[in-house]
C-alpha atoms as a PDB file:
ATOM      1  CA  MET A   1     -65.915-108.529  33.186  1.00  0.00           C
ATOM      2  CA  LYS A   2     -63.038-108.827  35.686  1.00  0.00           C
ATOM      3  CA  ASN A   3     -65.033-111.378  37.656  1.00  0.00           C
ATOM      4  CA  LYS A   4     -65.526-113.482  34.501  1.00  0.00           C
ATOM      5  CA  PHE A   5     -61.768-113.593  33.883  1.00  0.00           C
ATOM      6  CA  LEU A   6     -61.202-114.400  37.538  1.00  0.00           C
ATOM      7  CA  LEU A   7     -63.581-117.369  37.388  1.00  0.00           C
ATOM      8  CA  LEU A   8     -61.944-118.529  34.156  1.00  0.00           C
ATOM      9  CA  GLY A   9     -58.555-118.354  35.873  1.00  0.00           C
ATOM     10  CA  ILE A  10     -59.800-120.474  38.756  1.00  0.00           C
ATOM     11  CA  ALA A  11     -61.202-123.083  36.364  1.00  0.00           C
ATOM     12  CA  LEU A  12     -57.933-123.285  34.399  1.00  0.00           C
ATOM     13  CA  ALA A  13     -55.917-123.520  37.584  1.00  0.00           C
ATOM     14  CA  THR A  14     -58.111-126.377  38.796  1.00  0.00           C
ATOM     15  CA  LEU A  15     -57.799-128.292  35.527  1.00  0.00           C
ATOM     16  CA  SER A  16     -54.037-127.787  35.579  1.00  0.00           C
ATOM     17  CA  ALA A  17     -53.860-129.111  39.120  1.00  0.00           C
ATOM     18  CA  CYS A  18     -55.775-132.253  38.110  1.00  0.00           C
ATOM     19  CA  LYS A  19     -53.478-132.931  35.169  1.00  0.00           C
ATOM     20  CA  THR A  20     -50.250-132.436  37.156  1.00  0.00           C
ATOM     21  CA  ALA A  21     -51.142-134.072  40.446  1.00  0.00           C
ATOM     22  CA  SER A  22     -47.628-135.515  40.717  1.00  0.00           C
ATOM     23  CA  SER A  23     -46.064-132.058  40.625  1.00  0.00           C
ATOM     24  CA  ALA A  24     -48.272-130.189  43.049  1.00  0.00           C
ATOM     25  CA  SER A  25     -45.478-127.730  43.725  1.00  0.00           C
ATOM     26  CA  SER A  26     -46.090-126.166  40.282  1.00  0.00           C
ATOM     27  CA  THR A  27     -49.690-125.266  41.157  1.00  0.00           C
ATOM     28  CA  GLN A  28     -50.295-121.693  42.172  1.00  0.00           C
ATOM     29  CA  LEU A  29     -53.075-120.567  44.473  1.00  0.00           C
ATOM     30  CA  VAL A  30     -55.359-117.852  43.233  1.00  0.00           C
ATOM     31  CA  LYS A  31     -56.593-115.341  45.755  1.00  0.00           C
ATOM     32  CA  VAL A  32     -60.285-114.645  45.458  1.00  0.00           C
ATOM     33  CA  LYS A  33     -61.420-111.237  46.597  1.00  0.00           C
ATOM     34  CA  THR A  34     -64.962-111.379  47.929  1.00  0.00           C
ATOM     35  CA  GLN A  35     -67.326-108.518  47.272  1.00  0.00           C
ATOM     36  CA  LYS A  36     -69.762-106.996  49.711  1.00  0.00           C
ATOM     37  CA  ASN A  37     -73.293-108.425  49.506  1.00  0.00           C
ATOM     38  CA  ILE A  38     -76.081-105.901  49.091  1.00  0.00           C
ATOM     39  CA  SER A  39     -79.230-106.861  50.956  1.00  0.00           C
ATOM     40  CA  ILE A  40     -82.426-106.057  49.089  1.00  0.00           C
ATOM     41  CA  ASN A  41     -84.847-104.783  51.724  1.00  0.00           C
ATOM     42  CA  ASN A  42     -86.821-101.700  52.680  1.00  0.00           C
ATOM     43  CA  GLU A  43     -83.598 -99.884  53.564  1.00  0.00           C
ATOM     44  CA  LEU A  44     -82.659 -99.807  49.887  1.00  0.00           C
ATOM     45  CA  LYS A  45     -83.506 -96.357  48.517  1.00  0.00           C
ATOM     46  CA  ASN A  46     -85.718 -95.909  45.490  1.00  0.00           C
ATOM     47  CA  ASP A  47     -84.355 -94.390  42.332  1.00  0.00           C
ATOM     48  CA  GLU A  48     -86.379 -91.186  42.590  1.00  0.00           C
ATOM     49  CA  GLU A  49     -85.958 -90.260  38.923  1.00  0.00           C
ATOM     50  CA  PHE A  50     -87.152 -93.684  37.801  1.00  0.00           C
ATOM     51  CA  VAL A  51     -90.114 -93.634  40.206  1.00  0.00           C
ATOM     52  CA  LYS A  52     -91.072 -90.182  38.918  1.00  0.00           C
ATOM     53  CA  PHE A  53     -90.787 -91.388  35.317  1.00  0.00           C
ATOM     54  CA  ILE A  54     -93.080 -94.411  35.728  1.00  0.00           C
ATOM     55  CA  GLU A  55     -95.631 -92.758  38.038  1.00  0.00           C
ATOM     56  CA  PRO A  56     -98.020 -91.619  35.226  1.00  0.00           C
ATOM     57  CA  TYR A  57     -97.998 -95.133  33.745  1.00  0.00           C
ATOM     58  CA  LYS A  58     -98.547 -96.685  37.170  1.00  0.00           C
ATOM     59  CA  GLN A  59    -101.509 -94.427  37.855  1.00  0.00           C
ATOM     60  CA  LYS A  60    -103.049 -95.302  34.488  1.00  0.00           C
ATOM     61  CA  LEU A  61    -102.527 -99.030  35.060  1.00  0.00           C
ATOM     62  CA  ASP A  62    -103.912 -98.884  38.614  1.00  0.00           C
ATOM     63  CA  LYS A  63    -106.998 -97.047  37.377  1.00  0.00           C
ATOM     64  CA  GLU A  64    -107.598 -99.663  34.692  1.00  0.00           C
ATOM     65  CA  MET A  65    -106.980-102.646  36.958  1.00  0.00           C
ATOM     66  CA  ASN A  66    -109.280-101.289  39.663  1.00  0.00           C
ATOM     67  CA  GLN A  67    -112.294-100.914  37.385  1.00  0.00           C
ATOM     68  CA  LYS A  68    -115.319-102.955  38.393  1.00  0.00           C
ATOM     69  CA  ILE A  69    -116.372-105.561  35.825  1.00  0.00           C
ATOM     70  CA  SER A  70    -118.882-107.638  37.813  1.00  0.00           C
ATOM     71  CA  HIS A  71    -120.150-108.506  41.295  1.00  0.00           C
ATOM     72  CA  THR A  72    -120.615-111.654  43.355  1.00  0.00           C
ATOM     73  CA  ASN A  73    -122.792-112.180  46.428  1.00  0.00           C
ATOM     74  CA  VAL A  74    -120.724-115.163  47.554  1.00  0.00           C
ATOM     75  CA  ASP A  75    -117.048-116.059  47.758  1.00  0.00           C
ATOM     76  CA  LEU A  76    -115.871-117.750  44.583  1.00  0.00           C
ATOM     77  CA  THR A  77    -113.550-120.551  45.649  1.00  0.00           C
ATOM     78  CA  LYS A  78    -111.665-123.593  44.333  1.00  0.00           C
ATOM     79  CA  GLN A  79    -112.805-125.888  47.141  1.00  0.00           C
ATOM     80  CA  GLY A  80    -114.497-129.198  46.501  1.00  0.00           C
ATOM     81  CA  ASP A  81    -114.951-131.388  43.462  1.00  0.00           C
ATOM     82  CA  ASN A  82    -117.563-128.960  42.096  1.00  0.00           C
ATOM     83  CA  SER A  83    -116.128-125.603  43.152  1.00  0.00           C
ATOM     84  CA  ASN A  84    -118.287-122.620  42.253  1.00  0.00           C
ATOM     85  CA  LEU A  85    -115.371-120.738  40.665  1.00  0.00           C
ATOM     86  CA  GLY A  86    -114.264-123.824  38.757  1.00  0.00           C
ATOM     87  CA  ASN A  87    -117.769-124.491  37.424  1.00  0.00           C
ATOM     88  CA  LEU A  88    -118.186-120.825  36.504  1.00  0.00           C
ATOM     89  CA  LEU A  89    -114.953-120.602  34.510  1.00  0.00           C
ATOM     90  CA  ALA A  90    -115.594-123.960  32.829  1.00  0.00           C
ATOM     91  CA  ASP A  91    -119.014-122.649  31.748  1.00  0.00           C
ATOM     92  CA  TYR A  92    -117.458-119.419  30.445  1.00  0.00           C
ATOM     93  CA  THR A  93    -114.963-121.531  28.481  1.00  0.00           C
ATOM     94  CA  PHE A  94    -117.818-123.584  27.030  1.00  0.00           C
ATOM     95  CA  GLU A  95    -119.904-120.539  26.103  1.00  0.00           C
ATOM     96  CA  GLY A  96    -117.032-118.616  24.534  1.00  0.00           C
ATOM     97  CA  ALA A  97    -115.813-121.613  22.548  1.00  0.00           C
ATOM     98  CA  ASP A  98    -119.362-122.456  21.459  1.00  0.00           C
ATOM     99  CA  GLU A  99    -119.879-118.946  20.116  1.00  0.00           C
ATOM    100  CA  TRP A 100    -116.590-119.158  18.182  1.00  0.00           C
ATOM    101  CA  ALA A 101    -117.310-122.668  16.840  1.00  0.00           C
ATOM    102  CA  LYS A 102    -120.750-121.749  15.543  1.00  0.00           C
ATOM    103  CA  LYS A 103    -119.272-118.818  13.660  1.00  0.00           C
ATOM    104  CA  ASN A 104    -116.089-120.444  12.360  1.00  0.00           C
ATOM    105  CA  LEU A 105    -116.822-124.179  12.198  1.00  0.00           C
ATOM    106  CA  GLN A 106    -120.611-124.217  11.949  1.00  0.00           C
ATOM    107  CA  LYS A 107    -120.470-126.671  14.843  1.00  0.00           C
ATOM    108  CA  ASN A 108    -121.635-126.739  18.442  1.00  0.00           C
ATOM    109  CA  ILE A 109    -119.321-127.320  21.390  1.00  0.00           C
ATOM    110  CA  ASP A 110    -120.284-130.432  23.349  1.00  0.00           C
ATOM    111  CA  ALA A 111    -118.330-129.896  26.566  1.00  0.00           C
ATOM    112  CA  ALA A 112    -115.492-127.987  28.205  1.00  0.00           C
ATOM    113  CA  LEU A 113    -112.690-129.012  30.536  1.00  0.00           C
ATOM    114  CA  ILE A 114    -110.148-126.832  32.351  1.00  0.00           C
ATOM    115  CA  ASN A 115    -107.625-127.548  35.107  1.00  0.00           C
ATOM    116  CA  ILE A 116    -108.012-126.426  38.703  1.00  0.00           C
ATOM    117  CA  GLY A 117    -104.270-125.714  38.886  1.00  0.00           C
ATOM    118  CA  GLY A 118    -104.658-123.037  36.225  1.00  0.00           C
ATOM    119  CA  ILE A 119    -106.992-121.132  38.552  1.00  0.00           C
ATOM    120  CA  ARG A 120    -104.382-119.480  40.736  1.00  0.00           C
ATOM    121  CA  THR A 121    -106.511-117.845  43.426  1.00  0.00           C
ATOM    122  CA  THR A 122    -110.066-117.128  44.560  1.00  0.00           C
ATOM    123  CA  ILE A 123    -112.404-114.121  44.288  1.00  0.00           C
ATOM    124  CA  GLY A 124    -113.959-112.744  47.449  1.00  0.00           C
ATOM    125  CA  LYS A 125    -117.564-111.675  47.906  1.00  0.00           C
ATOM    126  CA  GLY A 126    -118.248-108.195  46.536  1.00  0.00           C
ATOM    127  CA  ASP A 127    -117.213-106.237  43.482  1.00  0.00           C
ATOM    128  CA  ILE A 128    -115.026-108.075  40.960  1.00  0.00           C
ATOM    129  CA  MET A 129    -112.243-105.893  39.633  1.00  0.00           C
ATOM    130  CA  LEU A 130    -110.269-106.380  36.428  1.00  0.00           C
ATOM    131  CA  LYS A 131    -107.152-107.120  38.501  1.00  0.00           C
ATOM    132  CA  ASN A 132    -108.964-110.054  40.152  1.00  0.00           C
ATOM    133  CA  VAL A 133    -109.184-111.881  36.817  1.00  0.00           C
ATOM    134  CA  PHE A 134    -105.478-111.290  36.164  1.00  0.00           C
ATOM    135  CA  GLU A 135    -104.758-112.772  39.599  1.00  0.00           C
ATOM    136  CA  VAL A 136    -106.999-115.777  38.934  1.00  0.00           C
ATOM    137  CA  MET A 137    -105.580-116.383  35.445  1.00  0.00           C
ATOM    138  CA  PRO A 138    -102.053-114.909  35.145  1.00  0.00           C
ATOM    139  CA  PHE A 139    -101.096-117.175  32.242  1.00  0.00           C
ATOM    140  CA  GLU A 140    -101.362-116.529  28.505  1.00  0.00           C
ATOM    141  CA  ASN A 141    -103.238-119.770  27.810  1.00  0.00           C
ATOM    142  CA  GLU A 142    -105.565-119.890  24.813  1.00  0.00           C
ATOM    143  CA  VAL A 143    -108.802-121.734  24.148  1.00  0.00           C
ATOM    144  CA  VAL A 144    -108.389-124.803  21.958  1.00  0.00           C
ATOM    145  CA  ILE A 145    -111.158-127.016  20.601  1.00  0.00           C
ATOM    146  CA  VAL A 146    -110.339-130.709  20.349  1.00  0.00           C
ATOM    147  CA  LYS A 147    -112.391-132.774  17.924  1.00  0.00           C
ATOM    148  CA  MET A 148    -112.647-136.323  19.261  1.00  0.00           C
ATOM    149  CA  LYS A 149    -114.452-139.532  18.354  1.00  0.00           C
ATOM    150  CA  GLY A 150    -116.876-140.720  20.988  1.00  0.00           C
ATOM    151  CA  SER A 151    -114.843-143.886  21.377  1.00  0.00           C
ATOM    152  CA  ASP A 152    -111.779-141.803  22.313  1.00  0.00           C
ATOM    153  CA  LEU A 153    -113.642-140.014  25.108  1.00  0.00           C
ATOM    154  CA  GLN A 154    -113.170-143.133  27.201  1.00  0.00           C
ATOM    155  CA  GLY A 155    -109.637-141.922  27.861  1.00  0.00           C
ATOM    156  CA  LEU A 156    -111.046-138.724  29.376  1.00  0.00           C
ATOM    157  CA  TYR A 157    -113.392-140.648  31.664  1.00  0.00           C
ATOM    158  CA  ASP A 158    -110.647-143.086  32.654  1.00  0.00           C
ATOM    159  CA  TYR A 159    -108.410-140.136  33.554  1.00  0.00           C
ATOM    160  CA  TYR A 160    -110.976-138.841  36.037  1.00  0.00           C
ATOM    161  CA  ALA A 161    -111.661-142.299  37.438  1.00  0.00           C
ATOM    162  CA  LYS A 162    -107.976-142.899  38.046  1.00  0.00           C
ATOM    163  CA  ASN A 163    -107.035-139.474  39.409  1.00  0.00           C
ATOM    164  CA  GLN A 164    -110.342-138.366  40.981  1.00  0.00           C
ATOM    165  CA  VAL A 165    -109.143-134.789  40.615  1.00  0.00           C
ATOM    166  CA  ASN A 166    -111.400-131.721  40.686  1.00  0.00           C
ATOM    167  CA  ASN A 167    -110.493-130.333  37.267  1.00  0.00           C
ATOM    168  CA  PRO A 168    -113.648-128.332  36.395  1.00  0.00           C
ATOM    169  CA  VAL A 169    -115.928-129.469  33.576  1.00  0.00           C
ATOM    170  CA  SER A 170    -118.966-128.085  31.774  1.00  0.00           C
ATOM    171  CA  HIS A 171    -121.669-130.227  30.121  1.00  0.00           C
ATOM    172  CA  LEU A 172    -119.941-133.363  31.398  1.00  0.00           C
ATOM    173  CA  THR A 173    -121.123-135.719  34.135  1.00  0.00           C
ATOM    174  CA  ILE A 174    -118.624-138.156  35.606  1.00  0.00           C
ATOM    175  CA  GLU A 175    -119.470-140.433  38.524  1.00  0.00           C
ATOM    176  CA  THR A 176    -117.295-143.115  40.069  1.00  0.00           C
ATOM    177  CA  ASN A 177    -117.731-145.547  42.938  1.00  0.00           C
ATOM    178  CA  ASN A 178    -114.496-146.636  44.608  1.00  0.00           C
ATOM    179  CA  GLY A 179    -112.570-145.681  41.481  1.00  0.00           C
ATOM    180  CA  GLN A 180    -114.888-147.437  39.028  1.00  0.00           C
ATOM    181  CA  LEU A 181    -116.899-145.457  36.475  1.00  0.00           C
ATOM    182  CA  THR A 182    -120.648-145.643  37.107  1.00  0.00           C
ATOM    183  CA  LYS A 183    -121.949-142.728  35.017  1.00  0.00           C
ATOM    184  CA  THR A 184    -120.473-140.901  32.007  1.00  0.00           C
ATOM    185  CA  LEU A 185    -122.617-138.345  30.203  1.00  0.00           C
ATOM    186  CA  ILE A 186    -121.919-135.549  27.758  1.00  0.00           C
ATOM    187  CA  ASN A 187    -124.657-132.935  27.401  1.00  0.00           C
ATOM    188  CA  GLY A 188    -126.783-135.215  29.568  1.00  0.00           C
ATOM    189  CA  LYS A 189    -126.575-138.106  27.101  1.00  0.00           C
ATOM    190  CA  ALA A 190    -124.560-141.280  26.737  1.00  0.00           C
ATOM    191  CA  VAL A 191    -121.581-141.125  24.388  1.00  0.00           C
ATOM    192  CA  ILE A 192    -122.084-142.438  20.864  1.00  0.00           C
ATOM    193  CA  PRO A 193    -118.753-144.097  19.908  1.00  0.00           C
ATOM    194  CA  THR A 194    -118.953-143.199  16.197  1.00  0.00           C
ATOM    195  CA  GLN A 195    -119.988-139.564  16.705  1.00  0.00           C
ATOM    196  CA  ASP A 196    -117.614-136.571  16.601  1.00  0.00           C
ATOM    197  CA  TYR A 197    -117.493-134.433  19.729  1.00  0.00           C
ATOM    198  CA  TYR A 198    -115.990-130.977  20.178  1.00  0.00           C
ATOM    199  CA  ILE A 199    -114.340-130.336  23.549  1.00  0.00           C
ATOM    200  CA  ALA A 200    -113.182-126.855  24.586  1.00  0.00           C
ATOM    201  CA  THR A 201    -110.071-126.699  26.735  1.00  0.00           C
ATOM    202  CA  SER A 202    -106.781-124.803  27.081  1.00  0.00           C
ATOM    203  CA  ASP A 203    -103.780-125.142  24.801  1.00  0.00           C
ATOM    204  CA  TYR A 204    -101.827-126.400  27.814  1.00  0.00           C
ATOM    205  CA  LEU A 205    -104.174-129.336  28.372  1.00  0.00           C
ATOM    206  CA  ALA A 206    -104.652-130.007  24.658  1.00  0.00           C
ATOM    207  CA  LEU A 207    -100.887-130.575  24.468  1.00  0.00           C
ATOM    208  CA  GLY A 208    -101.020-133.147  27.270  1.00  0.00           C
ATOM    209  CA  GLY A 209    -100.577-130.904  30.302  1.00  0.00           C
ATOM    210  CA  ASP A 210    -101.544-132.384  33.685  1.00  0.00           C
ATOM    211  CA  ASN A 211    -100.972-135.773  32.034  1.00  0.00           C
ATOM    212  CA  MET A 212    -104.123-135.443  29.895  1.00  0.00           C
ATOM    213  CA  LYS A 213    -102.701-137.631  27.161  1.00  0.00           C
ATOM    214  CA  PHE A 214    -106.156-138.574  25.902  1.00  0.00           C
ATOM    215  CA  PHE A 215    -106.391-135.284  23.985  1.00  0.00           C
ATOM    216  CA  ALA A 216    -103.668-136.577  21.650  1.00  0.00           C
ATOM    217  CA  GLN A 217    -106.303-138.892  20.140  1.00  0.00           C
ATOM    218  CA  GLY A 218    -108.166-135.897  18.745  1.00  0.00           C
ATOM    219  CA  GLU A 219    -107.631-133.004  16.354  1.00  0.00           C
ATOM    220  CA  SER A 220    -106.761-129.667  17.967  1.00  0.00           C
ATOM    221  CA  ILE A 221    -108.310-126.509  16.527  1.00  0.00           C
ATOM    222  CA  ALA A 222    -106.826-123.186  17.642  1.00  0.00           C
ATOM    223  CA  THR A 223    -109.251-120.321  18.294  1.00  0.00           C
ATOM    224  CA  GLY A 224    -106.766-117.552  19.080  1.00  0.00           C
ATOM    225  CA  ILE A 225    -108.868-116.606  22.128  1.00  0.00           C
ATOM    226  CA  ARG A 226    -106.965-115.966  25.340  1.00  0.00           C
ATOM    227  CA  MET A 227    -108.759-117.576  28.249  1.00  0.00           C
ATOM    228  CA  ARG A 228    -108.244-114.551  30.497  1.00  0.00           C
ATOM    229  CA  ASP A 229    -109.736-112.209  27.877  1.00  0.00           C
ATOM    230  CA  LEU A 230    -112.677-114.582  27.510  1.00  0.00           C
ATOM    231  CA  PHE A 231    -113.294-114.592  31.268  1.00  0.00           C
ATOM    232  CA  ILE A 232    -113.107-110.788  31.398  1.00  0.00           C
ATOM    233  CA  ASP A 233    -115.654-110.505  28.577  1.00  0.00           C
ATOM    234  CA  TYR A 234    -118.073-112.860  30.309  1.00  0.00           C
ATOM    235  CA  PHE A 235    -117.738-111.183  33.689  1.00  0.00           C
ATOM    236  CA  LYS A 236    -118.604-107.921  31.934  1.00  0.00           C
ATOM    237  CA  LYS A 237    -121.590-109.571  30.248  1.00  0.00           C
ATOM    238  CA  ASN A 238    -122.806-110.779  33.652  1.00  0.00           C
ATOM    239  CA  PRO A 239    -122.888-107.791  36.063  1.00  0.00           C
ATOM    240  CA  GLU A 240    -124.100-110.171  38.782  1.00  0.00           C
ATOM    241  CA  VAL A 241    -122.406-113.563  38.864  1.00  0.00           C
ATOM    242  CA  VAL A 242    -124.771-116.534  38.867  1.00  0.00           C
ATOM    243  CA  VAL A 243    -123.114-119.388  40.757  1.00  0.00           C
ATOM    244  CA  ASN A 244    -123.540-122.940  39.469  1.00  0.00           C
ATOM    245  CA  ASN A 245    -123.464-125.483  42.305  1.00  0.00           C
ATOM    246  CA  ASP A 246    -124.689-128.476  40.292  1.00  0.00           C
ATOM    247  CA  VAL A 247    -122.839-131.772  40.715  1.00  0.00           C
ATOM    248  CA  ARG A 248    -120.732-132.611  37.683  1.00  0.00           C
ATOM    249  CA  LEU A 249    -117.995-134.678  39.296  1.00  0.00           C
ATOM    250  CA  ASN A 250    -119.111-137.241  41.871  1.00  0.00           C
ATOM    251  CA  PHE A 251    -116.355-139.462  43.265  1.00  0.00           C
ATOM    252  CA  ILE A 252    -118.126-141.819  45.652  1.00  0.00           C
ATOM    253  CA  GLY A 253    -115.761-143.442  48.124  1.00  0.00           C
ATOM    254  CA  LYS A 254    -112.974-141.008  47.234  1.00  0.00           C
ATOM    255  CA  LYS A 255    -110.029-141.388  49.579  1.00  0.00           C
END
């Protein structure tokens, strides 16, 4: 509190000095007493009572986070335009959203799209622990379904042609040659301009994140499903991860 009054005094003194520049003799200097900086490092002692208090909760959390939920025989990475981790999580997004849509909308999901930036790390070969999914997806993003006319999907394809970015997709095929679109398929078929399509994505992207403004052309439907929870459920459903290395994004002549 004393420091707040001290800063206020300095500010008032400065303003006063500006207003009475012609009578500088009336300005008084304020002495500022510096405080000792405390370096936060390993020399700083723990609060033993606090550590003792939280220890049971920490042990419980560690036990939960270190539970095995699946296994992978290969490293799951973000590398390349068709990364195995990206494809896997895009497929999980598609499958989870499709299950929800059939139950709540009596519709099928046509494709899914997520952003590579939302996948924060990789998963090494071996057992997959619960904590690994929290590290991969630390955000509270939710699955959103965007209903779009086929004619409006052109904005999605143009986005990929322009940016040539490896944002993972499921049930979409996008091919470009020197920045020009040469193949655009959804569920293996050409887009019908007058048909409605249901695209699963995250709330972040549905709102225009990563400059995906094309989603604004559609109607967003909230599912209430957290993406991280969805991924955890699907890892548990698949004790052995099946990696999808199929080519979905093919940017020929990419610089």
